[in-house]
Amino acid sequence: MEEDRLDVELDFGEDELIPAIAQDIETGDVLMLAYVSPKALAATQSTGLAHYYSRSRDELWQKGGSSGHVQEVKEIRVDCDGDALLYRINQEGGACHTGYRSCFYRTIEGETVSEKVFDPDEVYE
């Protein structure tokens, strides 16, 4: 990953955030959606690890900083409008704080369609 390189124009909008999808680079599975600020993107580019901006905590955070379930970013893609990102990643452990590999573990009908990969009570004491 090339550090702080931005050859395309991004539209972070008024709130200075754009959505970023984390996709498993090997399987193509969509693991999560989060928001990225310019500082989070710069941190991701400089470290090679996914950084996001927490709207609820109002702070920059590194994915896996407390759980150890980091995301190694192998490639960053930009959508056609420059207002969304795709992080193609290698995921360590689960991506979802509820214990599932993907945050998209249930259907709209509420059916759980995957298994937990870790116990969140043990990880987030």
N, C-alpha and C. Protein backbone atom coordinates (compact mmCIF):
# COMPACT_ATOMS: atom_id res chain seq x y z
N MET A 1 0.86 -1.18 0.00
CA MET A 1 0.00 0.00 0.00
C MET A 1 0.90 1.23 0.00
N GLU A 2 0.61 2.14 -0.92
CA GLU A 2 1.43 3.35 -1.00
C GLU A 2 0.91 4.39 -0.02
N GLU A 3 1.83 4.92 0.72
CA GLU A 3 1.50 5.83 1.82
C GLU A 3 0.98 7.17 1.33
N ASP A 4 -0.16 7.58 1.90
CA ASP A 4 -0.75 8.91 1.67
C ASP A 4 -0.84 9.31 0.21
N ARG A 5 -1.05 8.35 -0.64
CA ARG A 5 -1.15 8.63 -2.07
C ARG A 5 -2.61 8.76 -2.44
N LEU A 6 -2.96 9.87 -3.06
CA LEU A 6 -4.33 10.13 -3.47
C LEU A 6 -4.31 10.72 -4.88
N ASP A 7 -4.52 9.84 -5.87
CA ASP A 7 -4.49 10.28 -7.26
C ASP A 7 -5.89 10.56 -7.80
N VAL A 8 -6.92 10.33 -6.98
CA VAL A 8 -8.29 10.62 -7.38
C VAL A 8 -8.88 11.59 -6.37
N GLU A 9 -9.84 12.35 -6.82
CA GLU A 9 -10.50 13.30 -5.92
C GLU A 9 -11.62 12.59 -5.18
N LEU A 10 -11.64 12.75 -3.87
CA LEU A 10 -12.69 12.15 -3.05
C LEU A 10 -13.64 13.23 -2.56
N ASP A 11 -14.91 12.89 -2.49
CA ASP A 11 -15.94 13.80 -2.00
C ASP A 11 -16.37 13.36 -0.61
N PHE A 12 -15.75 13.94 0.41
CA PHE A 12 -16.07 13.59 1.79
C PHE A 12 -17.36 14.27 2.28
N GLY A 13 -17.91 15.18 1.50
CA GLY A 13 -19.16 15.82 1.86
C GLY A 13 -19.03 16.76 3.04
N GLU A 14 -20.16 17.29 3.48
CA GLU A 14 -20.18 18.28 4.55
C GLU A 14 -19.72 17.72 5.89
N ASP A 15 -20.02 16.44 6.16
CA ASP A 15 -19.64 15.87 7.46
C ASP A 15 -18.22 15.29 7.46
N GLU A 16 -17.52 15.42 6.31
CA GLU A 16 -16.14 14.95 6.18
C GLU A 16 -16.00 13.43 6.37
N LEU A 17 -17.06 12.69 6.01
CA LEU A 17 -17.04 11.24 6.12
C LEU A 17 -17.55 10.61 4.83
N ILE A 18 -16.95 9.48 4.46
CA ILE A 18 -17.48 8.69 3.36
C ILE A 18 -17.55 7.23 3.81
N PRO A 19 -18.52 6.47 3.28
CA PRO A 19 -18.63 5.06 3.66
C PRO A 19 -17.51 4.24 3.05
N ALA A 20 -17.09 3.23 3.79
CA ALA A 20 -16.09 2.29 3.31
C ALA A 20 -16.59 0.88 3.58
N ILE A 21 -16.61 0.07 2.57
CA ILE A 21 -16.98 -1.33 2.68
C ILE A 21 -15.70 -2.13 2.86
N ALA A 22 -15.68 -3.04 3.82
CA ALA A 22 -14.55 -3.95 3.99
C ALA A 22 -14.93 -5.29 3.36
N GLN A 23 -14.14 -5.72 2.39
CA GLN A 23 -14.40 -6.95 1.66
C GLN A 23 -13.20 -7.89 1.79
N ASP A 24 -13.47 -9.15 2.11
CA ASP A 24 -12.41 -10.15 2.19
C ASP A 24 -11.82 -10.32 0.80
N ILE A 25 -10.53 -10.11 0.67
CA ILE A 25 -9.88 -10.14 -0.64
C ILE A 25 -9.84 -11.55 -1.22
N GLU A 26 -9.86 -12.57 -0.37
CA GLU A 26 -9.81 -13.96 -0.85
C GLU A 26 -11.18 -14.49 -1.25
N THR A 27 -12.20 -14.26 -0.42
CA THR A 27 -13.52 -14.84 -0.65
C THR A 27 -14.49 -13.91 -1.35
N GLY A 28 -14.24 -12.60 -1.28
CA GLY A 28 -15.17 -11.63 -1.82
C GLY A 28 -16.31 -11.29 -0.87
N ASP A 29 -16.34 -11.92 0.31
CA ASP A 29 -17.39 -11.65 1.29
C ASP A 29 -17.33 -10.21 1.77
N VAL A 30 -18.49 -9.57 1.87
CA VAL A 30 -18.58 -8.24 2.45
C VAL A 30 -18.64 -8.43 3.97
N LEU A 31 -17.69 -7.84 4.67
CA LEU A 31 -17.58 -8.06 6.11
C LEU A 31 -18.19 -6.95 6.94
N MET A 32 -18.08 -5.72 6.49
CA MET A 32 -18.64 -4.62 7.27
C MET A 32 -18.69 -3.34 6.44
N LEU A 33 -19.41 -2.38 7.00
CA LEU A 33 -19.47 -1.03 6.44
C LEU A 33 -19.19 -0.08 7.59
N ALA A 34 -18.33 0.87 7.35
CA ALA A 34 -18.01 1.88 8.37
C ALA A 34 -17.73 3.19 7.64
N TYR A 35 -17.42 4.22 8.39
CA TYR A 35 -17.16 5.53 7.80
C TYR A 35 -15.70 5.91 7.96
N VAL A 36 -15.21 6.66 6.98
CA VAL A 36 -13.81 7.06 6.93
C VAL A 36 -13.74 8.58 6.81
N SER A 37 -12.89 9.17 7.63
CA SER A 37 -12.57 10.59 7.54
C SER A 37 -11.26 10.72 6.77
N PRO A 38 -10.88 11.91 6.36
CA PRO A 38 -9.57 12.07 5.72
C PRO A 38 -8.43 11.56 6.60
N LYS A 39 -8.49 11.80 7.91
CA LYS A 39 -7.43 11.32 8.82
C LYS A 39 -7.43 9.80 8.90
N ALA A 40 -8.61 9.18 8.91
CA ALA A 40 -8.69 7.72 8.97
C ALA A 40 -8.09 7.11 7.70
N LEU A 41 -8.38 7.72 6.55
CA LEU A 41 -7.82 7.23 5.30
C LEU A 41 -6.30 7.36 5.30
N ALA A 42 -5.80 8.49 5.77
CA ALA A 42 -4.34 8.69 5.84
C ALA A 42 -3.69 7.66 6.77
N ALA A 43 -4.33 7.37 7.91
CA ALA A 43 -3.80 6.38 8.85
C ALA A 43 -3.81 4.99 8.22
N THR A 44 -4.85 4.67 7.48
CA THR A 44 -4.93 3.38 6.79
C THR A 44 -3.81 3.26 5.77
N GLN A 45 -3.60 4.31 5.01
CA GLN A 45 -2.56 4.27 3.99
C GLN A 45 -1.17 4.18 4.60
N SER A 46 -0.94 4.85 5.71
CA SER A 46 0.41 4.84 6.29
C SER A 46 0.73 3.57 7.06
N THR A 47 -0.29 2.91 7.64
CA THR A 47 -0.05 1.71 8.44
C THR A 47 -0.36 0.41 7.73
N GLY A 48 -1.24 0.47 6.71
CA GLY A 48 -1.68 -0.75 6.05
C GLY A 48 -2.77 -1.47 6.83
N LEU A 49 -3.21 -0.88 7.94
CA LEU A 49 -4.30 -1.44 8.75
C LEU A 49 -5.50 -0.52 8.66
N ALA A 50 -6.70 -1.10 8.63
CA ALA A 50 -7.92 -0.31 8.46
C ALA A 50 -8.18 0.59 9.66
N HIS A 51 -8.41 1.85 9.35
CA HIS A 51 -8.81 2.85 10.34
C HIS A 51 -10.14 3.44 9.87
N TYR A 52 -10.99 3.73 10.83
CA TYR A 52 -12.31 4.27 10.53
C TYR A 52 -12.59 5.44 11.48
N TYR A 53 -13.72 6.09 11.24
CA TYR A 53 -14.16 7.15 12.13
C TYR A 53 -15.46 6.71 12.76
N SER A 54 -15.49 6.66 14.08
CA SER A 54 -16.70 6.27 14.81
C SER A 54 -17.60 7.48 14.99
N ARG A 55 -18.77 7.43 14.36
CA ARG A 55 -19.72 8.53 14.51
C ARG A 55 -20.30 8.55 15.93
N SER A 56 -20.50 7.37 16.54
CA SER A 56 -21.09 7.32 17.88
C SER A 56 -20.11 7.80 18.96
N ARG A 57 -18.82 7.48 18.79
CA ARG A 57 -17.82 7.90 19.76
C ARG A 57 -17.13 9.20 19.37
N ASP A 58 -17.37 9.64 18.13
CA ASP A 58 -16.77 10.86 17.61
C ASP A 58 -15.24 10.80 17.69
N GLU A 59 -14.67 9.69 17.17
CA GLU A 59 -13.23 9.54 17.21
C GLU A 59 -12.72 8.60 16.13
N LEU A 60 -11.46 8.75 15.80
CA LEU A 60 -10.75 7.86 14.90
C LEU A 60 -10.47 6.56 15.63
N TRP A 61 -10.59 5.41 14.94
CA TRP A 61 -10.26 4.14 15.57
C TRP A 61 -9.66 3.17 14.57
N GLN A 62 -8.76 2.35 15.07
CA GLN A 62 -8.17 1.29 14.25
C GLN A 62 -8.99 0.03 14.48
N LYS A 63 -9.46 -0.58 13.42
CA LYS A 63 -10.19 -1.84 13.53
C LYS A 63 -9.29 -2.87 14.19
N GLY A 64 -9.80 -3.48 15.26
CA GLY A 64 -9.05 -4.50 15.97
C GLY A 64 -8.13 -3.95 17.04
N GLY A 65 -8.20 -2.65 17.28
CA GLY A 65 -7.33 -2.04 18.29
C GLY A 65 -7.52 -2.63 19.67
N SER A 66 -8.76 -2.97 20.02
CA SER A 66 -9.00 -3.58 21.34
C SER A 66 -9.22 -5.09 21.25
N SER A 67 -9.73 -5.59 20.13
CA SER A 67 -10.03 -7.02 20.01
C SER A 67 -8.88 -7.83 19.43
N GLY A 68 -7.99 -7.18 18.71
CA GLY A 68 -6.94 -7.90 18.00
C GLY A 68 -7.38 -8.39 16.63
N HIS A 69 -8.64 -8.14 16.27
CA HIS A 69 -9.19 -8.59 14.99
C HIS A 69 -8.96 -7.53 13.92
N VAL A 70 -7.70 -7.35 13.57
CA VAL A 70 -7.31 -6.28 12.66
C VAL A 70 -7.65 -6.61 11.22
N GLN A 71 -7.70 -5.57 10.41
CA GLN A 71 -7.91 -5.71 8.98
C GLN A 71 -6.67 -5.18 8.26
N GLU A 72 -5.98 -6.08 7.57
CA GLU A 72 -4.83 -5.69 6.77
C GLU A 72 -5.36 -5.27 5.40
N VAL A 73 -5.20 -4.02 5.06
CA VAL A 73 -5.74 -3.50 3.81
C VAL A 73 -4.74 -3.76 2.68
N LYS A 74 -5.20 -4.52 1.71
CA LYS A 74 -4.35 -4.89 0.58
C LYS A 74 -4.54 -3.94 -0.60
N GLU A 75 -5.76 -3.37 -0.71
CA GLU A 75 -6.06 -2.48 -1.82
C GLU A 75 -7.23 -1.59 -1.42
N ILE A 76 -7.20 -0.36 -1.88
CA ILE A 76 -8.33 0.55 -1.67
C ILE A 76 -8.86 0.94 -3.04
N ARG A 77 -10.15 0.72 -3.22
CA ARG A 77 -10.81 1.13 -4.46
C ARG A 77 -11.78 2.26 -4.17
N VAL A 78 -12.02 3.07 -5.18
CA VAL A 78 -12.90 4.24 -5.08
C VAL A 78 -14.04 4.06 -6.07
N ASP A 79 -15.26 4.38 -5.64
CA ASP A 79 -16.39 4.27 -6.57
C ASP A 79 -16.35 5.38 -7.61
N CYS A 80 -17.23 5.29 -8.60
CA CYS A 80 -17.21 6.20 -9.75
C CYS A 80 -17.45 7.66 -9.37
N ASP A 81 -18.17 7.92 -8.27
CA ASP A 81 -18.46 9.29 -7.85
C ASP A 81 -17.44 9.83 -6.86
N GLY A 82 -16.51 9.00 -6.42
CA GLY A 82 -15.51 9.43 -5.45
C GLY A 82 -16.08 9.67 -4.07
N ASP A 83 -17.23 9.04 -3.77
CA ASP A 83 -17.84 9.27 -2.45
C ASP A 83 -18.06 7.98 -1.66
N ALA A 84 -17.35 6.92 -2.04
CA ALA A 84 -17.38 5.67 -1.29
C ALA A 84 -16.09 4.90 -1.57
N LEU A 85 -15.67 4.13 -0.57
CA LEU A 85 -14.43 3.35 -0.69
C LEU A 85 -14.72 1.87 -0.50
N LEU A 86 -13.87 1.06 -1.09
CA LEU A 86 -13.89 -0.38 -0.89
C LEU A 86 -12.51 -0.77 -0.39
N TYR A 87 -12.45 -1.24 0.86
CA TYR A 87 -11.20 -1.76 1.42
C TYR A 87 -11.18 -3.26 1.13
N ARG A 88 -10.23 -3.72 0.35
CA ARG A 88 -10.06 -5.15 0.10
C ARG A 88 -9.02 -5.62 1.11
N ILE A 89 -9.42 -6.53 1.99
CA ILE A 89 -8.65 -6.79 3.20
C ILE A 89 -8.41 -8.27 3.47
N ASN A 90 -7.44 -8.51 4.33
CA ASN A 90 -7.30 -9.79 5.03
C ASN A 90 -7.79 -9.53 6.44
N GLN A 91 -8.80 -10.28 6.87
CA GLN A 91 -9.41 -10.11 8.19
C GLN A 91 -8.82 -11.09 9.18
N GLU A 92 -8.37 -10.59 10.29
CA GLU A 92 -7.92 -11.43 11.40
C GLU A 92 -9.11 -11.61 12.34
N GLY A 93 -9.55 -12.85 12.57
CA GLY A 93 -10.69 -13.08 13.46
C GLY A 93 -11.99 -12.59 12.82
N GLY A 94 -12.89 -12.11 13.66
CA GLY A 94 -14.18 -11.63 13.17
C GLY A 94 -14.19 -10.14 12.94
N ALA A 95 -15.00 -9.70 11.98
CA ALA A 95 -15.12 -8.27 11.69
C ALA A 95 -16.20 -7.62 12.55
N CYS A 96 -17.17 -8.41 13.00
CA CYS A 96 -18.31 -7.84 13.72
C CYS A 96 -18.09 -7.90 15.23
N HIS A 97 -18.40 -6.80 15.90
CA HIS A 97 -18.22 -6.73 17.36
C HIS A 97 -19.16 -7.68 18.11
N THR A 98 -20.15 -8.25 17.41
CA THR A 98 -21.07 -9.20 18.05
C THR A 98 -20.55 -10.63 18.02
N GLY A 99 -19.39 -10.84 17.37
CA GLY A 99 -18.76 -12.15 17.35
C GLY A 99 -18.81 -12.87 16.02
N TYR A 100 -19.46 -12.30 15.03
CA TYR A 100 -19.54 -12.95 13.73
C TYR A 100 -18.41 -12.48 12.82
N ARG A 101 -18.09 -13.30 11.82
CA ARG A 101 -17.04 -12.92 10.87
C ARG A 101 -17.45 -11.68 10.09
N SER A 102 -18.75 -11.59 9.73
CA SER A 102 -19.28 -10.46 8.98
C SER A 102 -20.38 -9.79 9.77
N CYS A 103 -20.49 -8.49 9.63
CA CYS A 103 -21.61 -7.76 10.25
C CYS A 103 -22.94 -8.11 9.57
N PHE A 104 -22.87 -8.71 8.39
CA PHE A 104 -24.07 -9.08 7.64
C PHE A 104 -24.38 -10.56 7.87
N TYR A 105 -24.66 -10.91 9.12
CA TYR A 105 -24.86 -12.31 9.51
C TYR A 105 -26.33 -12.72 9.60
N ARG A 106 -27.26 -11.81 9.27
CA ARG A 106 -28.69 -12.16 9.36
C ARG A 106 -29.47 -11.59 8.18
N THR A 107 -30.59 -12.25 7.91
CA THR A 107 -31.45 -11.81 6.82
C THR A 107 -32.40 -10.73 7.33
N ILE A 108 -33.12 -10.11 6.42
CA ILE A 108 -34.10 -9.07 6.78
C ILE A 108 -35.23 -9.66 7.63
N GLU A 109 -35.44 -10.98 7.51
CA GLU A 109 -36.45 -11.65 8.32
C GLU A 109 -35.94 -11.98 9.73
N GLY A 110 -34.66 -11.68 9.99
CA GLY A 110 -34.08 -11.92 11.30
C GLY A 110 -33.43 -13.28 11.47
N GLU A 111 -33.33 -14.04 10.40
CA GLU A 111 -32.70 -15.36 10.48
C GLU A 111 -31.19 -15.21 10.49
N THR A 112 -30.52 -15.83 11.46
CA THR A 112 -29.06 -15.83 11.51
C THR A 112 -28.55 -16.85 10.51
N VAL A 113 -27.67 -16.41 9.62
CA VAL A 113 -27.21 -17.27 8.52
C VAL A 113 -25.70 -17.58 8.60
N SER A 114 -25.08 -17.26 9.72
CA SER A 114 -23.69 -17.66 9.91
C SER A 114 -23.45 -17.93 11.39
N GLU A 115 -22.27 -18.46 11.68
CA GLU A 115 -21.93 -18.81 13.06
C GLU A 115 -20.96 -17.80 13.64
N LYS A 116 -20.99 -17.67 14.95
CA LYS A 116 -20.03 -16.79 15.63
C LYS A 116 -18.63 -17.39 15.53
N VAL A 117 -17.65 -16.50 15.40
CA VAL A 117 -16.26 -16.95 15.34
C VAL A 117 -15.49 -16.59 16.61
N PHE A 118 -16.12 -15.77 17.48
CA PHE A 118 -15.53 -15.47 18.78
C PHE A 118 -16.63 -15.04 19.74
N ASP A 119 -16.30 -15.11 21.03
CA ASP A 119 -17.24 -14.71 22.08
C ASP A 119 -16.93 -13.26 22.46
N PRO A 120 -17.84 -12.33 22.16
CA PRO A 120 -17.56 -10.93 22.46
C PRO A 120 -17.39 -10.64 23.96
N ASP A 121 -18.00 -11.43 24.82
CA ASP A 121 -17.83 -11.24 26.27
C ASP A 121 -16.39 -11.51 26.71
N GLU A 122 -15.73 -12.42 26.02
CA GLU A 122 -14.34 -12.72 26.35
C GLU A 122 -13.38 -11.69 25.75
N VAL A 123 -13.73 -11.15 24.60
CA VAL A 123 -12.85 -10.22 23.89
C VAL A 123 -12.96 -8.81 24.44
N TYR A 124 -14.20 -8.38 24.74
CA TYR A 124 -14.44 -7.01 25.21
C TYR A 124 -14.83 -7.00 26.68
N GLU A 125 -13.88 -7.29 27.53
CA GLU A 125 -14.17 -7.34 28.97
C GLU A 125 -14.30 -5.96 29.57
